[in-house]
Structures are given as C-alpha cells and as structure tokens.
C-alpha cells in the first residue's frame, strides 16, 4: 500500500474523471486553500448546509432519522451553533478506483478554530458527493465558508483489488448527490 502523489492524482483526475470539478494546483489567496497538494486533494464545501436544531426535541436515531432535526440553508457562509454540528457536502464529485481507499482529514485552519471535520473513508469503487460533518467544539458560534477548502483527501493505493468493492455490493450511499442523511 502507498499514499499517492500529486502527479498520480492529477493523472487520475484527467484520465478517469476521479474528481470533478478538479483544480490541478493549490489555490490560496484570500480563500482557505483548495485543490491538489503534494499527497492529497483539498476539497471544497458547497453552499448547501443542514444545521442541527433541537426545536422539535427529537432524538437523533440513525435507524429512524428525521429530517426535522435540521434546518436547510443555502448560503456562502454557515454559522455553526456552539457545541453543535452541521452536515454539508463537497463541491467535488469523486469516483474512487477499485484499488484505492481514501481517508479524509480536516484542514488545520478550521481545526485551530475548534471546528472538526469528520468523514468516513471513501471505499474502493465508491462515487458521489462526499457528505461532510462539521462539529463546533467551542462554546461560541463558528463560521465555515462555502466554495473554500475544508478537508484533505489522501489516496491510498492497495497492493491488489479487493474481492468486492463498494460498487460491487451496491452500497447504500453509492452515487449520492447533495447532502445525504443517514440510511439503514
């Protein structure tokens, strides 16, 4: 197994449409950086946010999840309430090769503000927009910016193809578009 470099990521994005839209360099300036980096790809968060609310006093149950637990907002910024969290999605659509596992790590700019990005691994053969979870661990409101970098995706190539990929077993989150809520 090995972590794949910027050269491999660029080649796979161009030849196999692995990441779309794809930015083949690191974009910085007045934005939180995004695009290809030495050994990863810094993805952007879209402008679609689902902010947790306790207005309806619901229980968060992954087997019986109610969309009334959220308020949906489309905006260039999102304020995460103190000690709460927001679901969002990447701007980019990913198509993961059958012999690759992808790990996501939050960007240090947000981590230094107490904002944690959580994403489960992107399994071999999976494709879709990645649903992102932002946890605000602070006692203060926290802001995230749409269309800017939020997390780095690291591509780990296996030494052989798995017997069964996520696509082969028709995984429940295969081909997701938009922010996808829990499914059973």
N, C-alpha and C. Protein backbone atom coordinates (compact mmCIF):
# COMPACT_ATOMS: atom_id res chain seq x y z
N UNK A 1 0.84 -1.18 0.00
CA UNK A 1 0.00 0.00 0.00
C UNK A 1 0.89 1.24 0.00
N UNK A 2 0.43 2.26 -0.72
CA UNK A 2 1.20 3.50 -0.73
C UNK A 2 0.27 4.70 -0.92
N UNK A 3 0.68 5.82 -0.33
CA UNK A 3 -0.04 7.09 -0.49
C UNK A 3 0.34 7.66 -1.85
N UNK A 4 -0.66 8.13 -2.59
CA UNK A 4 -0.43 8.60 -3.96
C UNK A 4 -0.09 10.10 -4.00
N UNK A 5 0.80 10.45 -4.91
CA UNK A 5 1.31 11.81 -5.04
C UNK A 5 0.41 12.69 -5.89
N UNK A 6 0.77 13.97 -5.92
CA UNK A 6 0.06 14.94 -6.76
C UNK A 6 0.07 14.53 -8.24
N UNK A 7 1.18 13.95 -8.71
CA UNK A 7 1.26 13.52 -10.11
C UNK A 7 0.20 12.45 -10.42
N UNK A 8 0.05 11.47 -9.53
CA UNK A 8 -0.94 10.41 -9.71
C UNK A 8 -2.36 10.98 -9.65
N UNK A 9 -2.62 11.86 -8.68
CA UNK A 9 -3.95 12.46 -8.51
C UNK A 9 -4.34 13.24 -9.76
N UNK A 10 -3.42 14.05 -10.28
CA UNK A 10 -3.69 14.83 -11.50
C UNK A 10 -3.98 13.90 -12.67
N UNK A 11 -3.16 12.87 -12.84
CA UNK A 11 -3.36 11.93 -13.95
C UNK A 11 -4.72 11.23 -13.85
N UNK A 12 -5.08 10.77 -12.65
CA UNK A 12 -6.36 10.07 -12.46
C UNK A 12 -7.55 11.01 -12.65
N UNK A 13 -7.40 12.24 -12.24
CA UNK A 13 -8.48 13.22 -12.42
C UNK A 13 -8.69 13.52 -13.90
N UNK A 14 -7.60 13.64 -14.65
CA UNK A 14 -7.69 13.95 -16.08
C UNK A 14 -8.14 12.76 -16.91
N UNK A 15 -7.56 11.58 -16.65
CA UNK A 15 -7.83 10.41 -17.48
C UNK A 15 -9.08 9.64 -17.07
N UNK A 16 -9.41 9.64 -15.78
CA UNK A 16 -10.50 8.81 -15.27
C UNK A 16 -11.61 9.61 -14.60
N UNK A 17 -11.55 10.94 -14.67
CA UNK A 17 -12.59 11.79 -14.09
C UNK A 17 -12.81 11.45 -12.61
N UNK A 18 -11.71 11.18 -11.88
CA UNK A 18 -11.79 10.77 -10.49
C UNK A 18 -12.34 11.87 -9.59
N UNK A 19 -12.06 13.12 -9.93
CA UNK A 19 -12.53 14.27 -9.15
C UNK A 19 -13.07 15.30 -10.14
N UNK A 20 -14.32 15.73 -9.90
CA UNK A 20 -14.92 16.70 -10.81
C UNK A 20 -15.85 17.64 -10.05
N UNK A 21 -15.70 18.96 -10.19
CA UNK A 21 -14.65 19.66 -10.92
C UNK A 21 -13.30 19.49 -10.20
N UNK A 22 -12.24 19.54 -10.98
CA UNK A 22 -10.89 19.30 -10.48
C UNK A 22 -10.05 20.56 -10.61
N UNK A 23 -9.29 20.88 -9.57
CA UNK A 23 -8.37 22.01 -9.57
C UNK A 23 -6.96 21.43 -9.47
N UNK A 24 -6.15 21.61 -10.54
CA UNK A 24 -4.85 20.93 -10.63
C UNK A 24 -3.70 21.65 -9.94
N UNK A 25 -4.00 22.61 -9.10
CA UNK A 25 -2.97 23.30 -8.31
C UNK A 25 -3.62 23.75 -7.00
N UNK A 26 -2.81 24.18 -6.07
CA UNK A 26 -3.30 24.67 -4.80
C UNK A 26 -3.71 26.15 -4.97
N UNK A 27 -4.97 26.45 -4.69
CA UNK A 27 -5.50 27.82 -4.77
C UNK A 27 -5.52 28.38 -3.36
N UNK A 28 -4.96 29.59 -3.21
CA UNK A 28 -4.87 30.20 -1.88
C UNK A 28 -5.42 31.61 -1.92
N UNK A 29 -4.60 32.60 -1.67
CA UNK A 29 -5.04 33.99 -1.67
C UNK A 29 -5.89 34.29 -0.45
N UNK A 30 -7.07 34.89 -0.68
CA UNK A 30 -7.94 35.25 0.44
C UNK A 30 -8.94 34.14 0.77
N UNK A 31 -8.72 32.94 0.25
CA UNK A 31 -9.58 31.78 0.50
C UNK A 31 -8.83 30.74 1.31
N UNK A 32 -9.59 29.89 2.00
CA UNK A 32 -8.97 28.74 2.65
C UNK A 32 -8.61 27.78 1.52
N UNK A 33 -7.35 27.37 1.46
CA UNK A 33 -6.80 26.69 0.29
C UNK A 33 -7.57 25.44 -0.12
N UNK A 34 -7.55 25.19 -1.44
CA UNK A 34 -8.17 24.00 -2.02
C UNK A 34 -7.42 23.62 -3.28
N UNK A 35 -7.68 22.41 -3.77
CA UNK A 35 -7.01 21.90 -4.96
C UNK A 35 -5.98 20.85 -4.60
N UNK A 36 -5.22 20.42 -5.61
CA UNK A 36 -4.26 19.35 -5.40
C UNK A 36 -3.10 19.85 -4.54
N UNK A 37 -2.61 18.95 -3.66
CA UNK A 37 -1.44 19.24 -2.83
C UNK A 37 -0.44 18.10 -3.03
N UNK A 38 0.66 18.11 -2.34
CA UNK A 38 1.73 17.13 -2.57
C UNK A 38 1.24 15.68 -2.52
N UNK A 39 0.46 15.33 -1.52
CA UNK A 39 -0.03 13.96 -1.35
C UNK A 39 -1.50 13.94 -0.99
N UNK A 40 -2.29 14.76 -1.66
CA UNK A 40 -3.72 14.77 -1.38
C UNK A 40 -4.45 15.78 -2.23
N UNK A 41 -5.74 15.88 -1.95
CA UNK A 41 -6.59 16.84 -2.64
C UNK A 41 -7.43 17.54 -1.59
N UNK A 42 -7.32 18.87 -1.55
CA UNK A 42 -8.10 19.68 -0.61
C UNK A 42 -9.42 20.03 -1.25
N UNK A 43 -10.49 19.39 -0.77
CA UNK A 43 -11.84 19.59 -1.33
C UNK A 43 -12.51 20.81 -0.71
N UNK A 44 -13.49 21.31 -1.44
CA UNK A 44 -14.28 22.47 -1.01
C UNK A 44 -15.64 22.03 -0.50
N UNK A 45 -16.22 22.83 0.36
CA UNK A 45 -17.57 22.59 0.83
C UNK A 45 -18.52 23.40 -0.05
N UNK A 46 -19.67 22.81 -0.40
CA UNK A 46 -20.65 23.51 -1.24
C UNK A 46 -21.43 24.51 -0.38
N UNK A 47 -22.40 25.14 -0.98
CA UNK A 47 -23.21 26.14 -0.26
C UNK A 47 -24.50 25.56 0.31
N UNK A 48 -24.59 24.23 0.38
CA UNK A 48 -25.77 23.55 0.94
C UNK A 48 -25.42 23.04 2.34
N UNK A 49 -26.16 23.54 3.35
CA UNK A 49 -25.89 23.18 4.74
C UNK A 49 -27.14 22.68 5.42
N UNK A 50 -26.98 21.68 6.28
CA UNK A 50 -28.08 21.20 7.12
C UNK A 50 -27.61 21.40 8.56
N UNK A 51 -28.24 22.37 9.23
CA UNK A 51 -27.84 22.77 10.57
C UNK A 51 -28.72 22.07 11.59
N UNK A 52 -28.11 21.38 12.55
CA UNK A 52 -28.87 20.69 13.57
C UNK A 52 -29.66 21.67 14.42
N UNK A 53 -30.88 21.28 14.78
CA UNK A 53 -31.72 22.09 15.64
C UNK A 53 -32.43 21.17 16.63
N UNK A 54 -32.72 21.68 17.81
CA UNK A 54 -33.48 20.89 18.78
C UNK A 54 -34.88 21.46 18.96
N UNK A 55 -35.34 22.23 18.00
CA UNK A 55 -36.67 22.86 18.07
C UNK A 55 -37.77 21.83 18.31
N UNK A 56 -37.66 20.67 17.69
CA UNK A 56 -38.70 19.64 17.80
C UNK A 56 -38.40 18.61 18.90
N UNK A 57 -37.33 18.82 19.66
CA UNK A 57 -36.95 17.91 20.75
C UNK A 57 -36.91 16.45 20.30
N UNK A 58 -36.36 16.22 19.11
CA UNK A 58 -36.25 14.86 18.55
C UNK A 58 -35.03 14.16 19.13
N UNK A 59 -35.05 12.85 19.07
CA UNK A 59 -33.89 12.05 19.41
C UNK A 59 -33.16 11.76 18.10
N UNK A 60 -31.85 11.89 18.11
CA UNK A 60 -31.07 11.58 16.93
C UNK A 60 -30.89 10.07 16.89
N UNK A 61 -31.56 9.43 15.95
CA UNK A 61 -31.58 7.97 15.85
C UNK A 61 -31.15 7.57 14.45
N UNK A 62 -29.96 6.94 14.29
CA UNK A 62 -29.50 6.59 12.95
C UNK A 62 -30.40 5.57 12.24
N UNK A 63 -31.22 4.81 13.00
CA UNK A 63 -32.13 3.85 12.38
C UNK A 63 -33.47 4.46 12.03
N UNK A 64 -33.76 5.62 12.57
CA UNK A 64 -35.03 6.30 12.31
C UNK A 64 -34.79 7.80 12.29
N UNK A 65 -33.95 8.22 11.36
CA UNK A 65 -33.52 9.62 11.32
C UNK A 65 -34.60 10.51 10.73
N UNK A 66 -34.86 11.61 11.37
CA UNK A 66 -35.91 12.53 10.93
C UNK A 66 -35.28 13.80 10.39
N UNK A 67 -35.67 14.19 9.19
CA UNK A 67 -35.11 15.40 8.58
C UNK A 67 -35.52 16.65 9.34
N UNK A 68 -36.51 16.54 10.24
CA UNK A 68 -36.91 17.70 11.05
C UNK A 68 -35.84 18.05 12.08
N UNK A 69 -34.79 17.23 12.20
CA UNK A 69 -33.66 17.54 13.08
C UNK A 69 -32.79 18.66 12.50
N UNK A 70 -33.03 19.04 11.25
CA UNK A 70 -32.20 20.01 10.56
C UNK A 70 -32.99 21.19 10.03
N UNK A 71 -32.28 22.28 9.86
CA UNK A 71 -32.75 23.42 9.08
C UNK A 71 -31.82 23.47 7.87
N UNK A 72 -32.37 23.49 6.67
CA UNK A 72 -31.55 23.54 5.45
C UNK A 72 -31.33 24.99 5.06
N UNK A 73 -30.08 25.30 4.70
CA UNK A 73 -29.71 26.66 4.32
C UNK A 73 -28.76 26.60 3.14
N UNK A 74 -29.00 27.42 2.13
CA UNK A 74 -28.06 27.60 1.03
C UNK A 74 -27.48 29.00 1.16
N UNK A 75 -26.17 29.07 1.36
CA UNK A 75 -25.54 30.36 1.63
C UNK A 75 -24.04 30.27 1.39
N UNK A 76 -23.42 31.44 1.25
CA UNK A 76 -21.97 31.49 1.07
C UNK A 76 -21.22 31.29 2.38
N UNK A 77 -21.94 31.32 3.51
CA UNK A 77 -21.35 31.08 4.83
C UNK A 77 -22.35 30.30 5.66
N UNK A 78 -21.84 29.62 6.66
CA UNK A 78 -22.73 28.91 7.58
C UNK A 78 -22.20 29.12 9.00
N UNK A 79 -23.09 29.52 9.88
CA UNK A 79 -22.74 29.66 11.29
C UNK A 79 -23.17 28.38 12.00
N UNK A 80 -22.21 27.73 12.64
CA UNK A 80 -22.50 26.52 13.42
C UNK A 80 -22.72 26.95 14.86
N UNK A 81 -23.87 26.62 15.43
CA UNK A 81 -24.12 26.99 16.83
C UNK A 81 -23.09 26.36 17.76
N UNK A 82 -22.90 26.94 18.95
CA UNK A 82 -21.95 26.37 19.91
C UNK A 82 -22.29 24.91 20.23
N UNK A 83 -21.26 24.09 20.36
CA UNK A 83 -21.41 22.68 20.73
C UNK A 83 -22.44 21.96 19.85
N UNK A 84 -22.47 22.27 18.58
CA UNK A 84 -23.43 21.67 17.67
C UNK A 84 -22.70 21.22 16.42
N UNK A 85 -23.48 20.80 15.42
CA UNK A 85 -22.83 20.43 14.17
C UNK A 85 -23.74 20.66 12.98
N UNK A 86 -23.10 20.60 11.81
CA UNK A 86 -23.74 20.87 10.53
C UNK A 86 -23.32 19.78 9.56
N UNK A 87 -24.24 19.37 8.71
CA UNK A 87 -23.89 18.49 7.59
C UNK A 87 -23.81 19.34 6.33
N UNK A 88 -22.89 18.99 5.46
CA UNK A 88 -22.72 19.68 4.19
C UNK A 88 -22.20 18.65 3.19
N UNK A 89 -21.79 19.11 2.02
CA UNK A 89 -21.22 18.19 1.03
C UNK A 89 -20.09 18.88 0.31
N UNK A 90 -19.28 18.06 -0.36
CA UNK A 90 -18.19 18.62 -1.16
C UNK A 90 -18.75 19.22 -2.45
N UNK A 91 -18.04 20.20 -2.98
CA UNK A 91 -18.32 20.71 -4.33
C UNK A 91 -17.98 19.60 -5.32
N UNK A 92 -16.88 18.91 -5.05
CA UNK A 92 -16.36 17.88 -5.95
C UNK A 92 -17.16 16.58 -5.87
N UNK A 93 -17.28 15.93 -7.02
CA UNK A 93 -17.86 14.59 -7.13
C UNK A 93 -16.68 13.65 -7.30
N UNK A 94 -16.60 12.61 -6.49
CA UNK A 94 -15.47 11.68 -6.51
C UNK A 94 -15.89 10.34 -7.12
N UNK A 95 -14.97 9.74 -7.89
CA UNK A 95 -15.12 8.37 -8.40
C UNK A 95 -13.86 7.63 -7.99
N UNK A 96 -13.98 6.81 -6.96
CA UNK A 96 -12.81 6.16 -6.38
C UNK A 96 -12.50 4.86 -7.13
N UNK A 97 -11.25 4.70 -7.58
CA UNK A 97 -10.87 3.46 -8.27
C UNK A 97 -11.04 2.24 -7.35
N UNK A 98 -11.17 1.08 -7.97
CA UNK A 98 -11.43 -0.16 -7.23
C UNK A 98 -10.28 -0.55 -6.30
N UNK A 99 -9.06 -0.09 -6.58
CA UNK A 99 -7.91 -0.48 -5.77
C UNK A 99 -7.41 0.65 -4.85
N UNK A 100 -8.30 1.62 -4.54
CA UNK A 100 -7.89 2.78 -3.74
C UNK A 100 -8.87 2.99 -2.59
N UNK A 101 -8.33 3.33 -1.43
CA UNK A 101 -9.10 3.75 -0.26
C UNK A 101 -8.73 5.20 0.01
N UNK A 102 -9.70 6.04 0.34
CA UNK A 102 -9.43 7.45 0.57
C UNK A 102 -9.77 7.81 2.02
N UNK A 103 -8.83 8.46 2.68
CA UNK A 103 -9.01 8.93 4.05
C UNK A 103 -9.12 10.45 4.01
N UNK A 104 -10.01 10.99 4.83
CA UNK A 104 -10.23 12.43 4.87
C UNK A 104 -9.75 12.99 6.21
N UNK A 105 -9.04 14.10 6.14
CA UNK A 105 -8.55 14.79 7.33
C UNK A 105 -8.96 16.26 7.25
N UNK A 106 -9.38 16.82 8.36
CA UNK A 106 -9.77 18.23 8.38
C UNK A 106 -8.58 19.14 8.16
N UNK A 107 -8.87 20.34 7.66
CA UNK A 107 -7.81 21.32 7.43
C UNK A 107 -7.44 22.00 8.74
N UNK A 108 -6.16 22.31 8.89
CA UNK A 108 -5.65 22.89 10.13
C UNK A 108 -6.26 24.25 10.43
N UNK A 109 -6.60 25.02 9.40
CA UNK A 109 -7.20 26.34 9.62
C UNK A 109 -8.48 26.21 10.44
N UNK A 110 -9.33 25.24 10.11
CA UNK A 110 -10.56 25.03 10.87
C UNK A 110 -10.28 24.34 12.20
N UNK A 111 -9.38 23.37 12.22
CA UNK A 111 -9.07 22.66 13.46
C UNK A 111 -8.58 23.64 14.53
N UNK A 112 -7.83 24.65 14.13
CA UNK A 112 -7.31 25.64 15.08
C UNK A 112 -8.40 26.56 15.61
N UNK A 113 -9.59 26.47 15.01
CA UNK A 113 -10.74 27.25 15.47
C UNK A 113 -11.74 26.37 16.22
N UNK A 114 -11.36 25.12 16.49
CA UNK A 114 -12.25 24.21 17.20
C UNK A 114 -13.31 23.57 16.33
N UNK A 115 -13.14 23.65 15.01
CA UNK A 115 -14.09 23.05 14.07
C UNK A 115 -13.47 21.75 13.56
N UNK A 116 -14.16 20.66 13.82
CA UNK A 116 -13.67 19.34 13.44
C UNK A 116 -14.46 18.86 12.23
N UNK A 117 -13.75 18.36 11.21
CA UNK A 117 -14.39 17.79 10.03
C UNK A 117 -14.30 16.27 10.16
N UNK A 118 -15.45 15.61 10.04
CA UNK A 118 -15.49 14.15 10.13
C UNK A 118 -16.07 13.58 8.85
N UNK A 119 -15.36 12.64 8.28
CA UNK A 119 -15.82 11.92 7.09
C UNK A 119 -15.33 10.49 7.23
N UNK A 120 -16.19 9.53 6.94
CA UNK A 120 -15.75 8.14 6.94
C UNK A 120 -14.93 7.89 5.68
N UNK A 121 -14.13 6.82 5.64
CA UNK A 121 -13.32 6.56 4.45
C UNK A 121 -14.17 6.42 3.19
N UNK A 122 -13.61 6.85 2.05
CA UNK A 122 -14.24 6.63 0.76
C UNK A 122 -13.73 5.27 0.30
N UNK A 123 -14.63 4.32 0.19
CA UNK A 123 -14.25 2.94 -0.08
C UNK A 123 -13.94 2.71 -1.56
N UNK A 124 -13.16 1.66 -1.85
CA UNK A 124 -12.87 1.32 -3.24
C UNK A 124 -14.15 1.14 -4.05
N UNK A 125 -14.23 1.83 -5.19
CA UNK A 125 -15.38 1.73 -6.08
C UNK A 125 -16.52 2.67 -5.74
N UNK A 126 -16.41 3.44 -4.65
CA UNK A 126 -17.49 4.38 -4.28
C UNK A 126 -17.44 5.60 -5.18
N UNK A 127 -18.59 6.21 -5.42
CA UNK A 127 -18.62 7.50 -6.10
C UNK A 127 -19.76 8.34 -5.56
N UNK A 128 -19.58 9.66 -5.63
CA UNK A 128 -20.61 10.60 -5.21
C UNK A 128 -20.02 11.87 -4.65
N UNK A 129 -20.93 12.77 -4.22
CA UNK A 129 -20.52 13.92 -3.43
C UNK A 129 -20.31 13.42 -2.01
N UNK A 130 -19.27 13.87 -1.36
CA UNK A 130 -18.98 13.42 0.00
C UNK A 130 -19.79 14.25 0.98
N UNK A 131 -20.54 13.57 1.85
CA UNK A 131 -21.24 14.27 2.93
C UNK A 131 -20.22 14.53 4.04
N UNK A 132 -20.16 15.78 4.47
CA UNK A 132 -19.20 16.22 5.48
C UNK A 132 -19.94 16.57 6.77
N UNK A 133 -19.32 16.28 7.90
CA UNK A 133 -19.87 16.71 9.18
C UNK A 133 -18.88 17.68 9.81
N UNK A 134 -19.39 18.85 10.19
CA UNK A 134 -18.59 19.86 10.88
C UNK A 134 -19.09 19.95 12.31
N UNK A 135 -18.21 19.66 13.27
CA UNK A 135 -18.56 19.80 14.69
C UNK A 135 -17.91 21.05 15.23
N UNK A 136 -18.70 21.89 15.88
CA UNK A 136 -18.18 23.07 16.54
C UNK A 136 -17.98 22.69 18.00
N UNK A 137 -16.73 22.50 18.40
CA UNK A 137 -16.42 22.06 19.76
C UNK A 137 -16.31 23.21 20.74
N UNK A 138 -16.52 24.43 20.26
CA UNK A 138 -16.36 25.61 21.12
C UNK A 138 -17.68 26.05 21.74
N UNK A 139 -17.63 26.88 22.77
CA UNK A 139 -18.85 27.44 23.36
C UNK A 139 -19.34 28.69 22.61
N UNK A 140 -18.73 28.97 21.45
CA UNK A 140 -19.07 30.15 20.66
C UNK A 140 -19.58 29.73 19.28
N UNK A 141 -20.35 30.56 18.60
CA UNK A 141 -20.72 30.26 17.21
C UNK A 141 -19.46 30.24 16.35
N UNK A 142 -19.45 29.39 15.31
CA UNK A 142 -18.29 29.26 14.43
C UNK A 142 -18.75 29.34 12.98
N UNK A 143 -17.91 29.88 12.11
CA UNK A 143 -18.27 30.10 10.71
C UNK A 143 -17.45 29.23 9.78
N UNK A 144 -18.13 28.66 8.77
CA UNK A 144 -17.44 28.00 7.67
C UNK A 144 -17.85 28.68 6.37
N UNK A 145 -16.97 28.62 5.37
CA UNK A 145 -17.15 29.34 4.13
C UNK A 145 -17.37 28.38 2.96
N UNK A 146 -18.48 28.58 2.24
CA UNK A 146 -18.77 27.77 1.06
C UNK A 146 -17.75 28.04 -0.04
N UNK A 147 -17.52 27.03 -0.86
CA UNK A 147 -16.63 27.10 -2.02
C UNK A 147 -15.18 27.37 -1.66
N UNK A 148 -14.81 27.02 -0.42
CA UNK A 148 -13.42 27.10 0.02
C UNK A 148 -13.01 25.76 0.60
N UNK A 149 -11.70 25.57 0.77
CA UNK A 149 -11.19 24.29 1.25
C UNK A 149 -11.62 23.98 2.68
N UNK A 150 -11.92 22.68 2.92
CA UNK A 150 -12.34 22.25 4.25
C UNK A 150 -11.65 20.98 4.72
N UNK A 151 -11.22 20.13 3.80
CA UNK A 151 -10.65 18.85 4.19
C UNK A 151 -9.73 18.32 3.11
N UNK A 152 -8.71 17.58 3.54
CA UNK A 152 -7.79 16.96 2.58
C UNK A 152 -8.11 15.48 2.46
N UNK A 153 -8.20 15.02 1.21
CA UNK A 153 -8.43 13.62 0.90
C UNK A 153 -7.11 13.00 0.49
N UNK A 154 -6.74 11.90 1.17
CA UNK A 154 -5.49 11.20 0.94
C UNK A 154 -5.82 9.86 0.28
N UNK A 155 -5.19 9.58 -0.84
CA UNK A 155 -5.47 8.39 -1.66
C UNK A 155 -4.44 7.31 -1.37
N UNK A 156 -4.91 6.16 -0.88
CA UNK A 156 -4.03 5.04 -0.54
C UNK A 156 -4.33 3.91 -1.51
N UNK A 157 -3.32 3.57 -2.31
CA UNK A 157 -3.48 2.52 -3.32
C UNK A 157 -3.11 1.18 -2.71
N UNK A 158 -4.03 0.21 -2.82
CA UNK A 158 -3.80 -1.14 -2.31
C UNK A 158 -2.87 -1.92 -3.22
N UNK A 159 -2.31 -2.99 -2.67
CA UNK A 159 -1.41 -3.83 -3.48
C UNK A 159 -2.17 -4.80 -4.38
N UNK A 160 -3.50 -4.88 -4.22
CA UNK A 160 -4.33 -5.68 -5.11
C UNK A 160 -5.77 -5.19 -5.00
N UNK A 161 -6.60 -5.54 -5.98
CA UNK A 161 -8.02 -5.18 -5.94
C UNK A 161 -8.71 -6.00 -4.85
N UNK A 162 -9.70 -5.40 -4.17
CA UNK A 162 -10.47 -6.18 -3.20
C UNK A 162 -11.35 -7.19 -3.93
N UNK A 163 -11.78 -8.23 -3.24
CA UNK A 163 -12.68 -9.22 -3.83
C UNK A 163 -14.02 -8.58 -4.17
N UNK A 164 -14.50 -7.66 -3.31
CA UNK A 164 -15.78 -6.99 -3.52
C UNK A 164 -15.61 -5.51 -3.20
N UNK A 165 -15.89 -4.64 -4.16
CA UNK A 165 -15.80 -3.20 -3.94
C UNK A 165 -17.15 -2.67 -3.46
N UNK A 166 -17.16 -1.41 -3.06
CA UNK A 166 -18.40 -0.74 -2.64
C UNK A 166 -19.42 -0.77 -3.77
N UNK A 167 -18.96 -0.53 -4.99
CA UNK A 167 -19.86 -0.56 -6.16
C UNK A 167 -20.40 -1.97 -6.38
N UNK A 168 -19.54 -2.99 -6.23
CA UNK A 168 -19.96 -4.38 -6.43
C UNK A 168 -21.10 -4.78 -5.49
N UNK A 169 -21.05 -4.29 -4.25
CA UNK A 169 -22.08 -4.68 -3.29
C UNK A 169 -23.24 -3.69 -3.23
N UNK A 170 -23.26 -2.76 -4.21
CA UNK A 170 -24.36 -1.76 -4.28
C UNK A 170 -24.55 -1.05 -2.95
N UNK A 171 -23.47 -0.45 -2.44
CA UNK A 171 -23.52 0.28 -1.17
C UNK A 171 -24.62 1.33 -1.15
N UNK A 172 -25.20 1.54 0.03
CA UNK A 172 -26.38 2.41 0.16
C UNK A 172 -26.10 3.88 -0.13
N UNK A 173 -24.86 4.31 -0.09
CA UNK A 173 -24.54 5.71 -0.37
C UNK A 173 -23.89 5.89 -1.75
N UNK A 174 -23.94 4.85 -2.57
CA UNK A 174 -23.34 4.91 -3.91
C UNK A 174 -24.06 5.94 -4.76
N UNK A 175 -23.30 6.83 -5.41
CA UNK A 175 -23.85 7.81 -6.34
C UNK A 175 -24.59 8.96 -5.68
N UNK A 176 -24.36 9.18 -4.38
CA UNK A 176 -25.12 10.24 -3.70
C UNK A 176 -24.80 11.61 -4.26
N UNK A 177 -25.84 12.41 -4.32
CA UNK A 177 -25.72 13.80 -4.74
C UNK A 177 -26.36 14.64 -3.65
N UNK A 178 -25.79 15.79 -3.37
CA UNK A 178 -26.32 16.62 -2.28
C UNK A 178 -25.94 16.05 -0.94
N UNK A 179 -26.40 16.72 0.12
CA UNK A 179 -26.16 16.26 1.48
C UNK A 179 -27.05 15.05 1.71
N UNK A 180 -26.45 13.92 2.07
CA UNK A 180 -27.20 12.68 2.23
C UNK A 180 -27.31 12.34 3.72
N UNK A 181 -28.55 12.18 4.18
CA UNK A 181 -28.80 11.85 5.58
C UNK A 181 -28.59 10.36 5.82
N UNK A 182 -28.50 9.93 7.10
CA UNK A 182 -28.27 8.51 7.40
C UNK A 182 -29.32 7.60 6.81
N UNK A 183 -28.86 6.43 6.33
CA UNK A 183 -29.74 5.40 5.80
C UNK A 183 -29.46 4.09 6.52
N UNK A 184 -30.42 3.22 6.56
CA UNK A 184 -30.21 1.90 7.17
C UNK A 184 -30.41 0.84 6.09
